[in-house]
């Protein structure tokens, strides 16, 4: 059985000729092969999607507010105190 390397993995896609022509033109303009261009474009888009889902962007005003709340947390209200008690009771039962 032959061993596989990351370069052995193939992905195929069916697309209209006009889309292929557009991709080929862009690849030619960048000096890349069609395959290289498609992989680079797909990776770039994937990284943007991941970044949008995993990174929180805050204004400086919002960041200042969060850091202020971390450094100076508000006094727990009755609802938080009750939630803490329920949490402690739930996990003490499992011990």
Protein backbone atom coordinates (compact mmCIF):
# COMPACT_ATOMS: atom_id res chain seq x y z
CA UNK A 1 0.00 0.00 0.00
CA UNK A 2 1.46 3.37 -0.98
CA UNK A 3 1.86 5.99 1.70
CA UNK A 4 0.08 9.29 1.26
CA UNK A 5 1.46 12.75 1.84
CA UNK A 6 -0.47 16.03 2.10
CA UNK A 7 0.28 16.66 -1.60
CA UNK A 8 -1.56 13.45 -2.55
CA UNK A 9 -4.97 14.72 -1.47
CA UNK A 10 -7.18 15.73 -4.36
CA UNK A 11 -10.26 17.94 -4.29
CA UNK A 12 -12.41 18.27 -7.38
CA UNK A 13 -15.17 20.68 -8.28
CA UNK A 14 -17.51 21.10 -11.19
CA UNK A 15 -18.00 24.65 -12.36
CA UNK A 16 -19.29 26.55 -15.36
CA UNK A 17 -16.79 27.28 -18.13
CA UNK A 18 -17.17 31.02 -17.51
CA UNK A 19 -16.07 30.59 -13.88
CA UNK A 20 -13.11 28.46 -14.94
CA UNK A 21 -12.14 31.12 -17.50
CA UNK A 22 -12.30 33.84 -14.85
CA UNK A 23 -10.18 31.80 -12.45
CA UNK A 24 -7.69 30.98 -15.19
CA UNK A 25 -7.38 34.64 -16.18
CA UNK A 26 -6.73 35.65 -12.57
CA UNK A 27 -4.20 32.83 -12.18
CA UNK A 28 -2.41 33.92 -15.35
CA UNK A 29 -2.28 37.52 -14.14
CA UNK A 30 -0.65 36.45 -10.86
CA UNK A 31 1.76 34.03 -12.49
CA UNK A 32 0.26 31.02 -10.72
CA UNK A 33 -1.17 27.83 -12.11
CA UNK A 34 -4.92 27.46 -11.94
CA UNK A 35 -4.54 24.90 -9.15
CA UNK A 36 -2.17 27.14 -7.14
CA UNK A 37 -4.47 30.13 -7.56
CA UNK A 38 -7.57 28.20 -6.48
CA UNK A 39 -5.84 26.76 -3.41
CA UNK A 40 -4.43 30.15 -2.39
CA UNK A 41 -7.82 31.84 -2.86
CA UNK A 42 -9.64 29.10 -0.95
CA UNK A 43 -7.16 29.21 1.95
CA UNK A 44 -7.38 33.01 2.11
CA UNK A 45 -11.19 32.88 2.23
CA UNK A 46 -11.15 30.07 4.80
CA UNK A 47 -8.82 32.08 7.05
CA UNK A 48 -11.13 35.10 6.81
CA UNK A 49 -14.17 33.00 7.74
CA UNK A 50 -12.32 31.46 10.70
CA UNK A 51 -11.07 34.87 11.79
CA UNK A 52 -14.60 36.33 11.71
CA UNK A 53 -15.90 33.45 13.84
CA UNK A 54 -13.06 33.23 16.38
CA UNK A 55 -11.82 36.78 16.87
CA UNK A 56 -13.78 39.49 18.62
CA UNK A 57 -13.05 42.99 17.39
CA UNK A 58 -13.71 45.77 19.88
CA UNK A 59 -13.55 49.51 19.63
CA UNK A 60 -11.10 51.10 22.05
CA UNK A 61 -14.07 52.33 24.06
CA UNK A 62 -15.48 48.80 24.34
CA UNK A 63 -12.06 47.35 25.21
CA UNK A 64 -11.60 49.98 27.94
CA UNK A 65 -15.02 49.10 29.38
CA UNK A 66 -14.22 45.38 29.47
CA UNK A 67 -10.81 45.93 31.08
CA UNK A 68 -12.42 48.26 33.60
CA UNK A 69 -15.02 45.60 34.50
CA UNK A 70 -12.29 42.97 34.86
CA UNK A 71 -10.22 45.21 37.13
CA UNK A 72 -13.25 46.53 39.05
CA UNK A 73 -16.01 43.92 38.94
CA UNK A 74 -19.43 45.00 40.13
CA UNK A 75 -20.77 43.75 43.47
CA UNK A 76 -22.70 40.48 42.97
CA UNK A 77 -26.47 41.02 42.93
CA UNK A 78 -29.06 38.61 44.35
CA UNK A 79 -29.47 36.71 41.06
CA UNK A 80 -25.73 36.07 40.80
CA UNK A 81 -25.53 34.99 44.44
CA UNK A 82 -28.38 32.51 43.85
CA UNK A 83 -26.69 31.19 40.71
CA UNK A 84 -23.44 30.66 42.63
CA UNK A 85 -25.32 28.74 45.33
CA UNK A 86 -27.08 26.52 42.74
CA UNK A 87 -23.75 25.90 41.01
CA UNK A 88 -22.03 24.92 44.25
CA UNK A 89 -24.95 22.71 45.27
CA UNK A 90 -25.00 20.98 41.89
CA UNK A 91 -21.30 20.18 41.88
CA UNK A 92 -21.12 19.25 45.58
CA UNK A 93 -23.75 16.53 44.94
CA UNK A 94 -21.51 14.90 42.32
CA UNK A 95 -18.50 14.47 44.66
